Amino acid sequence: MKYQNKDIIEYMDNWAKKEYALSWDNCGKQVYFERENKGLLLALDVTDEVIKSSEDLGYNLIISHHPLLFTGTKNIIEGTYLGDNLIKLIEEKISVYSAHTNLDIAREGVNYALADFLKLKNLKPLAIDEEKEIGLVGELESPKDIREIIKEFEEKLNIRGIRCYGRREKVKKISLCGGAGSDYFNKALENESDLFLTGDVKYHEGQRAYENKILMLDIGHFGSEKLILPRIKEKLLKEFPDLKIEIFNRSSFLLDY
């Protein structure tokens, strides 16, 4: 069965609605061509390697979590990294659609994928920002050793370089925010959480966790969001069973020694 790019994007818009996005974000179509879909590549970031992979596969749609155009780009200049990427996308007529904070907030989105991995129950929002629900708070069925949680992330999701700050071993109540969620640390304290899980934790933020007798687990920005890619694939295949989908499941710029 043949699908149109617009139908796939419409499905994404109905799931991760644009009104969920925070005001500073740039979700939605980044580069767009009205075309029959030839295949879809899922990635967290639109890098030169992701574009080349899409080109090599013969696919003409990339769905990313992080927007390609984010900082108010005012020109396209050949010989610059972003300029060359945009030129390549236009030359090959590859569309790019991004679902960022709207997908963080959406039901079954980034934070729900993390909560499901941890098997959390009694979920509620961690914080309210711009009248939108940010992050999640939930509970494990029974207290769990933090070392066991770390091991699950390492072995089941192949996440390396995990850092844990604090001074307790057992956790039951967990606050989480995928990506760079350290700004919501105080909300984790207000919710009397045993553990706050996010990415991109700075050294002195970890020190605050120690001082407040809460654990802070940094599984990396990429690690905290990568679960959304197989979830997008699963949901799209239910709606578009014959759709060709591949996942670019690594970071182009994070070296793995």
C-alpha atoms as a PDB file:
ATOM      1  CA  MET A   1       0.000   0.000   0.000  1.00  0.00           C
ATOM      2  CA  LYS A   2       1.228   3.514  -0.830  1.00  0.00           C
ATOM      3  CA  TYR A   3       1.252   6.318   1.741  1.00  0.00           C
ATOM      4  CA  GLN A   4       1.734  10.058   1.443  1.00  0.00           C
ATOM      5  CA  ASN A   5       4.196  11.961   3.625  1.00  0.00           C
ATOM      6  CA  LYS A   6       1.381  14.306   4.627  1.00  0.00           C
ATOM      7  CA  ASP A   7      -0.644  11.392   6.058  1.00  0.00           C
ATOM      8  CA  ILE A   8       2.251  10.262   8.259  1.00  0.00           C
ATOM      9  CA  ILE A   9       2.865  13.804   9.478  1.00  0.00           C
ATOM     10  CA  GLU A  10      -0.835  14.298  10.156  1.00  0.00           C
ATOM     11  CA  TYR A  11      -0.781  11.184  12.352  1.00  0.00           C
ATOM     12  CA  MET A  12       2.211  12.545  14.299  1.00  0.00           C
ATOM     13  CA  ASP A  13       0.469  15.918  14.711  1.00  0.00           C
ATOM     14  CA  ASN A  14      -2.612  14.187  16.126  1.00  0.00           C
ATOM     15  CA  TRP A  15      -0.480  12.280  18.650  1.00  0.00           C
ATOM     16  CA  ALA A  16       2.073  14.934  19.651  1.00  0.00           C
ATOM     17  CA  LYS A  17      -0.145  17.957  19.160  1.00  0.00           C
ATOM     18  CA  LYS A  18       1.569  21.230  18.321  1.00  0.00           C
ATOM     19  CA  GLU A  19      -0.215  23.016  21.159  1.00  0.00           C
ATOM     20  CA  TYR A  20       1.665  20.779  23.619  1.00  0.00           C
ATOM     21  CA  ALA A  21       4.987  22.370  22.598  1.00  0.00           C
ATOM     22  CA  LEU A  22       6.659  24.986  24.773  1.00  0.00           C
ATOM     23  CA  SER A  23       6.790  28.519  23.382  1.00  0.00           C
ATOM     24  CA  TRP A  24      10.531  28.497  22.629  1.00  0.00           C
ATOM     25  CA  ASP A  25      10.367  25.290  20.588  1.00  0.00           C
ATOM     26  CA  ASN A  26      10.208  24.769  16.815  1.00  0.00           C
ATOM     27  CA  CYS A  27       8.213  21.597  16.221  1.00  0.00           C
ATOM     28  CA  GLY A  28       6.660  20.386  12.981  1.00  0.00           C
ATOM     29  CA  LYS A  29       7.792  20.519   9.346  1.00  0.00           C
ATOM     30  CA  GLN A  30      11.408  21.624   8.966  1.00  0.00           C
ATOM     31  CA  VAL A  31      11.838  20.813   5.285  1.00  0.00           C
ATOM     32  CA  TYR A  32       8.839  19.544   3.374  1.00  0.00           C
ATOM     33  CA  PHE A  33       7.928  18.126  -0.025  1.00  0.00           C
ATOM     34  CA  GLU A  34       4.437  16.928  -0.953  1.00  0.00           C
ATOM     35  CA  ARG A  35       5.424  13.422  -2.014  1.00  0.00           C
ATOM     36  CA  GLU A  36       4.442   9.774  -1.866  1.00  0.00           C
ATOM     37  CA  ASN A  37       6.435   8.204   0.950  1.00  0.00           C
ATOM     38  CA  LYS A  38       9.367   6.011  -0.058  1.00  0.00           C
ATOM     39  CA  GLY A  39      10.438   5.142   3.472  1.00  0.00           C
ATOM     40  CA  LEU A  40      10.943   6.748   6.867  1.00  0.00           C
ATOM     41  CA  LEU A  41      14.069   7.144   8.989  1.00  0.00           C
ATOM     42  CA  LEU A  42      13.637   7.849  12.716  1.00  0.00           C
ATOM     43  CA  ALA A  43      16.400   9.680  14.592  1.00  0.00           C
ATOM     44  CA  LEU A  44      16.870  11.868  17.642  1.00  0.00           C
ATOM     45  CA  ASP A  45      18.954  14.403  15.678  1.00  0.00           C
ATOM     46  CA  VAL A  46      19.176  15.359  11.995  1.00  0.00           C
ATOM     47  CA  THR A  47      22.901  15.112  11.300  1.00  0.00           C
ATOM     48  CA  ASP A  48      24.897  14.648   8.106  1.00  0.00           C
ATOM     49  CA  GLU A  49      25.091  10.904   8.867  1.00  0.00           C
ATOM     50  CA  VAL A  50      21.321  10.667   9.306  1.00  0.00           C
ATOM     51  CA  ILE A  51      20.748  12.464   5.996  1.00  0.00           C
ATOM     52  CA  LYS A  52      23.248  10.193   4.221  1.00  0.00           C
ATOM     53  CA  SER A  53      21.618   7.113   5.742  1.00  0.00           C
ATOM     54  CA  SER A  54      18.215   8.275   4.476  1.00  0.00           C
ATOM     55  CA  GLU A  55      19.699   8.937   1.042  1.00  0.00           C
ATOM     56  CA  ASP A  56      21.408   5.514   0.931  1.00  0.00           C
ATOM     57  CA  LEU A  57      18.154   3.791   1.894  1.00  0.00           C
ATOM     58  CA  GLY A  58      16.235   5.719  -0.733  1.00  0.00           C
ATOM     59  CA  TYR A  59      13.907   7.148   1.916  1.00  0.00           C
ATOM     60  CA  ASN A  60      12.351  10.592   1.590  1.00  0.00           C
ATOM     61  CA  LEU A  61      11.122  11.366   5.121  1.00  0.00           C
ATOM     62  CA  ILE A  62      13.048  11.828   8.365  1.00  0.00           C
ATOM     63  CA  ILE A  63      11.201  12.157  11.667  1.00  0.00           C
ATOM     64  CA  SER A  64      13.442  13.513  14.422  1.00  0.00           C
ATOM     65  CA  HIS A  65      12.958  14.419  18.053  1.00  0.00           C
ATOM     66  CA  HIS A  66      15.258  17.440  18.075  1.00  0.00           C
ATOM     67  CA  PRO A  67      14.416  20.124  15.489  1.00  0.00           C
ATOM     68  CA  LEU A  68      16.793  20.673  12.606  1.00  0.00           C
ATOM     69  CA  LEU A  69      16.006  24.412  12.623  1.00  0.00           C
ATOM     70  CA  PHE A  70      16.044  25.721  16.153  1.00  0.00           C
ATOM     71  CA  THR A  71      18.088  28.866  16.679  1.00  0.00           C
ATOM     72  CA  GLY A  72      16.533  31.307  14.237  1.00  0.00           C
ATOM     73  CA  THR A  73      18.550  30.395  11.116  1.00  0.00           C
ATOM     74  CA  LYS A  74      18.513  33.353   8.707  1.00  0.00           C
ATOM     75  CA  ASN A  75      20.445  31.999   5.737  1.00  0.00           C
ATOM     76  CA  ILE A  76      21.576  28.857   3.922  1.00  0.00           C
ATOM     77  CA  ILE A  77      25.251  29.030   3.031  1.00  0.00           C
ATOM     78  CA  GLU A  78      27.135  26.338   1.157  1.00  0.00           C
ATOM     79  CA  GLY A  79      30.235  25.192   3.015  1.00  0.00           C
ATOM     80  CA  THR A  80      28.674  25.505   6.476  1.00  0.00           C
ATOM     81  CA  TYR A  81      27.509  22.426   8.348  1.00  0.00           C
ATOM     82  CA  LEU A  82      23.836  23.395   8.554  1.00  0.00           C
ATOM     83  CA  GLY A  83      23.845  24.955   5.102  1.00  0.00           C
ATOM     84  CA  ASP A  84      25.246  21.820   3.456  1.00  0.00           C
ATOM     85  CA  ASN A  85      22.728  19.635   5.294  1.00  0.00           C
ATOM     86  CA  LEU A  86      19.808  21.795   4.174  1.00  0.00           C
ATOM     87  CA  ILE A  87      21.089  21.891   0.589  1.00  0.00           C
ATOM     88  CA  LYS A  88      21.411  18.088   0.546  1.00  0.00           C
ATOM     89  CA  LEU A  89      17.870  17.653   1.884  1.00  0.00           C
ATOM     90  CA  ILE A  90      16.513  20.008  -0.759  1.00  0.00           C
ATOM     91  CA  GLU A  91      18.530  18.433  -3.578  1.00  0.00           C
ATOM     92  CA  GLU A  92      17.341  14.936  -2.632  1.00  0.00           C
ATOM     93  CA  LYS A  93      13.807  16.153  -1.787  1.00  0.00           C
ATOM     94  CA  ILE A  94      13.950  14.575   1.685  1.00  0.00           C
ATOM     95  CA  SER A  95      11.348  15.958   4.094  1.00  0.00           C
ATOM     96  CA  VAL A  96      12.132  16.482   7.784  1.00  0.00           C
ATOM     97  CA  TYR A  97       9.527  16.616  10.540  1.00  0.00           C
ATOM     98  CA  SER A  98      10.422  17.153  14.208  1.00  0.00           C
ATOM     99  CA  ALA A  99       8.398  16.413  17.346  1.00  0.00           C
ATOM    100  CA  HIS A 100      10.247  17.809  20.376  1.00  0.00           C
ATOM    101  CA  THR A 101       8.659  19.190  23.553  1.00  0.00           C
ATOM    102  CA  ASN A 102       5.235  18.265  22.173  1.00  0.00           C
ATOM    103  CA  LEU A 103       6.416  14.631  22.107  1.00  0.00           C
ATOM    104  CA  ASP A 104       7.943  14.969  25.586  1.00  0.00           C
ATOM    105  CA  ILE A 105       4.530  15.961  26.902  1.00  0.00           C
ATOM    106  CA  ALA A 106       2.244  13.732  24.802  1.00  0.00           C
ATOM    107  CA  ARG A 107       0.696  10.586  26.245  1.00  0.00           C
ATOM    108  CA  GLU A 108       2.930   7.622  25.330  1.00  0.00           C
ATOM    109  CA  GLY A 109       5.660  10.157  24.552  1.00  0.00           C
ATOM    110  CA  VAL A 110       9.259  10.445  25.776  1.00  0.00           C
ATOM    111  CA  ASN A 111       8.582  10.586  29.511  1.00  0.00           C
ATOM    112  CA  TYR A 112       5.942   7.862  29.388  1.00  0.00           C
ATOM    113  CA  ALA A 113       8.410   5.614  27.531  1.00  0.00           C
ATOM    114  CA  LEU A 114      10.895   6.090  30.394  1.00  0.00           C
ATOM    115  CA  ALA A 115       8.205   5.463  33.013  1.00  0.00           C
ATOM    116  CA  ASP A 116       7.106   2.295  31.207  1.00  0.00           C
ATOM    117  CA  PHE A 117      10.697   1.030  31.087  1.00  0.00           C
ATOM    118  CA  LEU A 118      10.967   1.508  34.851  1.00  0.00           C
ATOM    119  CA  LYS A 119       7.485  -0.024  35.368  1.00  0.00           C
ATOM    120  CA  LEU A 120       6.293   2.970  37.370  1.00  0.00           C
ATOM    121  CA  LYS A 121       2.707   3.200  38.581  1.00  0.00           C
ATOM    122  CA  ASN A 122       0.517   6.002  40.030  1.00  0.00           C
ATOM    123  CA  LEU A 123       1.874   8.472  37.478  1.00  0.00           C
ATOM    124  CA  LYS A 124       1.334  12.201  37.791  1.00  0.00           C
ATOM    125  CA  PRO A 125       3.024  15.304  36.299  1.00  0.00           C
ATOM    126  CA  LEU A 126       6.312  16.417  37.804  1.00  0.00           C
ATOM    127  CA  ALA A 127       5.781  20.115  37.062  1.00  0.00           C
ATOM    128  CA  ILE A 128       3.572  22.610  35.246  1.00  0.00           C
ATOM    129  CA  ASP A 129       5.330  24.986  32.850  1.00  0.00           C
ATOM    130  CA  GLU A 130       3.433  27.346  30.521  1.00  0.00           C
ATOM    131  CA  GLU A 131       0.306  25.512  31.699  1.00  0.00           C
ATOM    132  CA  LYS A 132       1.725  22.268  30.291  1.00  0.00           C
ATOM    133  CA  GLU A 133       2.589  19.073  32.167  1.00  0.00           C
ATOM    134  CA  ILE A 134       6.339  18.461  32.332  1.00  0.00           C
ATOM    135  CA  GLY A 135       7.986  15.198  33.384  1.00  0.00           C
ATOM    136  CA  LEU A 136       6.431  12.477  35.505  1.00  0.00           C
ATOM    137  CA  VAL A 137       6.435  11.192  39.067  1.00  0.00           C
ATOM    138  CA  GLY A 138       5.661   7.559  39.809  1.00  0.00           C
ATOM    139  CA  GLU A 139       6.366   4.656  42.121  1.00  0.00           C
ATOM    140  CA  LEU A 140       7.959   1.256  41.785  1.00  0.00           C
ATOM    141  CA  GLU A 141       5.991  -1.749  42.961  1.00  0.00           C
ATOM    142  CA  SER A 142       8.535  -2.174  45.765  1.00  0.00           C
ATOM    143  CA  PRO A 143      11.827  -0.496  46.773  1.00  0.00           C
ATOM    144  CA  LYS A 144      14.700  -1.250  44.423  1.00  0.00           C
ATOM    145  CA  ASP A 145      18.472  -0.936  44.723  1.00  0.00           C
ATOM    146  CA  ILE A 146      19.787   1.906  42.539  1.00  0.00           C
ATOM    147  CA  ARG A 147      22.537  -0.422  41.281  1.00  0.00           C
ATOM    148  CA  GLU A 148      19.893  -2.714  39.835  1.00  0.00           C
ATOM    149  CA  ILE A 149      18.234   0.183  38.012  1.00  0.00           C
ATOM    150  CA  ILE A 150      21.576   1.313  36.574  1.00  0.00           C
ATOM    151  CA  LYS A 151      22.326  -2.244  35.445  1.00  0.00           C
ATOM    152  CA  GLU A 152      18.994  -2.425  33.586  1.00  0.00           C
ATOM    153  CA  PHE A 153      19.760   0.772  31.675  1.00  0.00           C
ATOM    154  CA  GLU A 154      23.248  -0.475  30.836  1.00  0.00           C
ATOM    155  CA  GLU A 155      22.282  -3.987  29.751  1.00  0.00           C
ATOM    156  CA  LYS A 156      18.833  -3.505  28.198  1.00  0.00           C
ATOM    157  CA  LEU A 157      19.395  -0.122  26.537  1.00  0.00           C
ATOM    158  CA  ASN A 158      23.182  -0.191  26.117  1.00  0.00           C
ATOM    159  CA  ILE A 159      23.565   3.163  27.873  1.00  0.00           C
ATOM    160  CA  ARG A 160      27.116   3.882  28.971  1.00  0.00           C
ATOM    161  CA  GLY A 161      28.693   6.529  31.156  1.00  0.00           C
ATOM    162  CA  ILE A 162      25.782   6.670  33.599  1.00  0.00           C
ATOM    163  CA  ARG A 163      26.443   8.928  36.592  1.00  0.00           C
ATOM    164  CA  CYS A 164      24.645   8.737  39.909  1.00  0.00           C
ATOM    165  CA  TYR A 165      24.825  11.405  42.611  1.00  0.00           C
ATOM    166  CA  GLY A 166      23.607  11.192  46.201  1.00  0.00           C
ATOM    167  CA  ARG A 167      23.850   8.908  49.216  1.00  0.00           C
ATOM    168  CA  ARG A 168      21.067   6.364  49.388  1.00  0.00           C
ATOM    169  CA  GLU A 169      20.714   2.868  47.939  1.00  0.00           C
ATOM    170  CA  LYS A 170      17.021   1.956  47.859  1.00  0.00           C
ATOM    171  CA  VAL A 171      14.461   3.924  45.829  1.00  0.00           C
ATOM    172  CA  LYS A 172      10.707   3.663  45.386  1.00  0.00           C
ATOM    173  CA  LYS A 173       9.367   7.069  44.351  1.00  0.00           C
ATOM    174  CA  ILE A 174      10.930   8.366  41.137  1.00  0.00           C
ATOM    175  CA  SER A 175      10.696  11.708  39.350  1.00  0.00           C
ATOM    176  CA  LEU A 176      11.884  11.818  35.758  1.00  0.00           C
ATOM    177  CA  CYS A 177      12.290  14.228  32.875  1.00  0.00           C
ATOM    178  CA  GLY A 178      13.798  13.093  29.579  1.00  0.00           C
ATOM    179  CA  GLY A 179      16.513  15.233  27.997  1.00  0.00           C
ATOM    180  CA  ALA A 180      18.012  18.096  29.994  1.00  0.00           C
ATOM    181  CA  GLY A 181      15.601  18.265  32.932  1.00  0.00           C
ATOM    182  CA  SER A 182      17.771  19.556  35.761  1.00  0.00           C
ATOM    183  CA  ASP A 183      15.688  22.738  35.990  1.00  0.00           C
ATOM    184  CA  TYR A 184      12.953  20.618  37.573  1.00  0.00           C
ATOM    185  CA  PHE A 185      15.125  19.243  40.375  1.00  0.00           C
ATOM    186  CA  ASN A 186      13.275  21.299  42.989  1.00  0.00           C
ATOM    187  CA  LYS A 187      10.004  19.735  41.836  1.00  0.00           C
ATOM    188  CA  ALA A 188      11.491  16.301  42.502  1.00  0.00           C
ATOM    189  CA  LEU A 189      12.289  17.493  46.026  1.00  0.00           C
ATOM    190  CA  GLU A 190       8.767  18.878  46.494  1.00  0.00           C
ATOM    191  CA  ASN A 191       7.365  15.501  45.459  1.00  0.00           C
ATOM    192  CA  GLU A 192       9.586  13.824  48.085  1.00  0.00           C
ATOM    193  CA  SER A 193      11.156  11.578  45.477  1.00  0.00           C
ATOM    194  CA  ASP A 194      13.925   9.112  46.276  1.00  0.00           C
ATOM    195  CA  LEU A 195      15.382   9.481  42.781  1.00  0.00           C
ATOM    196  CA  PHE A 196      15.391  12.135  40.059  1.00  0.00           C
ATOM    197  CA  LEU A 197      16.247  10.730  36.620  1.00  0.00           C
ATOM    198  CA  THR A 198      17.234  12.957  33.695  1.00  0.00           C
ATOM    199  CA  GLY A 199      20.195  13.820  31.438  1.00  0.00           C
ATOM    200  CA  ASP A 200      22.898  16.502  31.208  1.00  0.00           C
ATOM    201  CA  VAL A 201      23.405  16.867  34.973  1.00  0.00           C
ATOM    202  CA  LYS A 202      26.131  19.328  35.964  1.00  0.00           C
ATOM    203  CA  TYR A 203      28.593  18.520  38.744  1.00  0.00           C
ATOM    204  CA  HIS A 204      27.211  20.976  41.303  1.00  0.00           C
ATOM    205  CA  GLU A 205      23.646  19.895  40.541  1.00  0.00           C
ATOM    206  CA  GLY A 206      24.768  16.454  41.619  1.00  0.00           C
ATOM    207  CA  GLN A 207      26.174  17.987  44.772  1.00  0.00           C
ATOM    208  CA  ARG A 208      22.732  19.464  45.548  1.00  0.00           C
ATOM    209  CA  ALA A 209      21.272  15.970  45.290  1.00  0.00           C
ATOM    210  CA  TYR A 210      23.774  14.745  47.864  1.00  0.00           C
ATOM    211  CA  GLU A 211      23.002  17.650  50.188  1.00  0.00           C
ATOM    212  CA  ASN A 212      19.245  16.997  49.941  1.00  0.00           C
ATOM    213  CA  LYS A 213      19.520  13.225  50.458  1.00  0.00           C
ATOM    214  CA  ILE A 214      18.019  12.390  47.073  1.00  0.00           C
ATOM    215  CA  LEU A 215      19.622  10.401  44.270  1.00  0.00           C
ATOM    216  CA  MET A 216      20.092  12.033  40.876  1.00  0.00           C
ATOM    217  CA  LEU A 217      20.672   9.652  37.985  1.00  0.00           C
ATOM    218  CA  ASP A 218      22.135  11.049  34.764  1.00  0.00           C
ATOM    219  CA  ILE A 219      21.666   8.545  31.921  1.00  0.00           C
ATOM    220  CA  GLY A 220      22.651  11.115  29.294  1.00  0.00           C
ATOM    221  CA  HIS A 221      20.532  13.245  27.010  1.00  0.00           C
ATOM    222  CA  PHE A 222      20.540  10.650  24.233  1.00  0.00           C
ATOM    223  CA  GLY A 223      20.004   7.776  26.658  1.00  0.00           C
ATOM    224  CA  SER A 224      17.008   9.395  28.317  1.00  0.00           C
ATOM    225  CA  GLU A 225      15.218   9.929  24.986  1.00  0.00           C
ATOM    226  CA  LYS A 226      16.222   6.979  22.777  1.00  0.00           C
ATOM    227  CA  LEU A 227      13.266   4.859  23.926  1.00  0.00           C
ATOM    228  CA  ILE A 228      10.902   7.087  21.958  1.00  0.00           C
ATOM    229  CA  LEU A 229      12.243   5.890  18.594  1.00  0.00           C
ATOM    230  CA  PRO A 230      10.980   2.279  18.791  1.00  0.00           C
ATOM    231  CA  ARG A 231       7.733   3.603  20.257  1.00  0.00           C
ATOM    232  CA  ILE A 232       7.187   5.902  17.249  1.00  0.00           C
ATOM    233  CA  LYS A 233       7.911   2.973  14.948  1.00  0.00           C
ATOM    234  CA  GLU A 234       5.454   0.722  16.765  1.00  0.00           C
ATOM    235  CA  LYS A 235       2.662   3.290  16.668  1.00  0.00           C
ATOM    236  CA  LEU A 236       3.213   4.190  13.010  1.00  0.00           C
ATOM    237  CA  LEU A 237       3.224   0.553  11.891  1.00  0.00           C
ATOM    238  CA  LYS A 238      -0.154   0.024  13.536  1.00  0.00           C
ATOM    239  CA  GLU A 239      -1.537   2.862  11.436  1.00  0.00           C
ATOM    240  CA  PHE A 240       0.574   2.275   8.296  1.00  0.00           C
ATOM    241  CA  PRO A 241       1.381  -1.484   8.237  1.00  0.00           C
ATOM    242  CA  ASP A 242       3.329  -1.431   4.952  1.00  0.00           C
ATOM    243  CA  LEU A 243       5.441   1.591   5.834  1.00  0.00           C
ATOM    244  CA  LYS A 244       9.203   1.072   5.517  1.00  0.00           C
ATOM    245  CA  ILE A 245      10.817   2.341   8.740  1.00  0.00           C
ATOM    246  CA  GLU A 246      14.390   2.261   9.992  1.00  0.00           C
ATOM    247  CA  ILE A 247      15.790   3.626  13.272  1.00  0.00           C
ATOM    248  CA  PHE A 248      19.074   5.548  13.444  1.00  0.00           C
ATOM    249  CA  ASN A 249      19.721   4.444  17.000  1.00  0.00           C
ATOM    250  CA  ARG A 250      22.976   6.144  17.877  1.00  0.00           C
ATOM    251  CA  SER A 251      24.389   9.623  18.274  1.00  0.00           C
ATOM    252  CA  SER A 252      26.506  10.873  15.381  1.00  0.00           C
ATOM    253  CA  PHE A 253      28.541  13.156  17.640  1.00  0.00           C
ATOM    254  CA  LEU A 254      28.870  11.109  20.849  1.00  0.00           C
ATOM    255  CA  LEU A 255      32.035   9.031  20.539  1.00  0.00           C
ATOM    256  CA  ASP A 256      31.813   5.513  21.937  1.00  0.00           C
ATOM    257  CA  TYR A 257      35.241   4.256  23.047  1.00  0.00           C
END
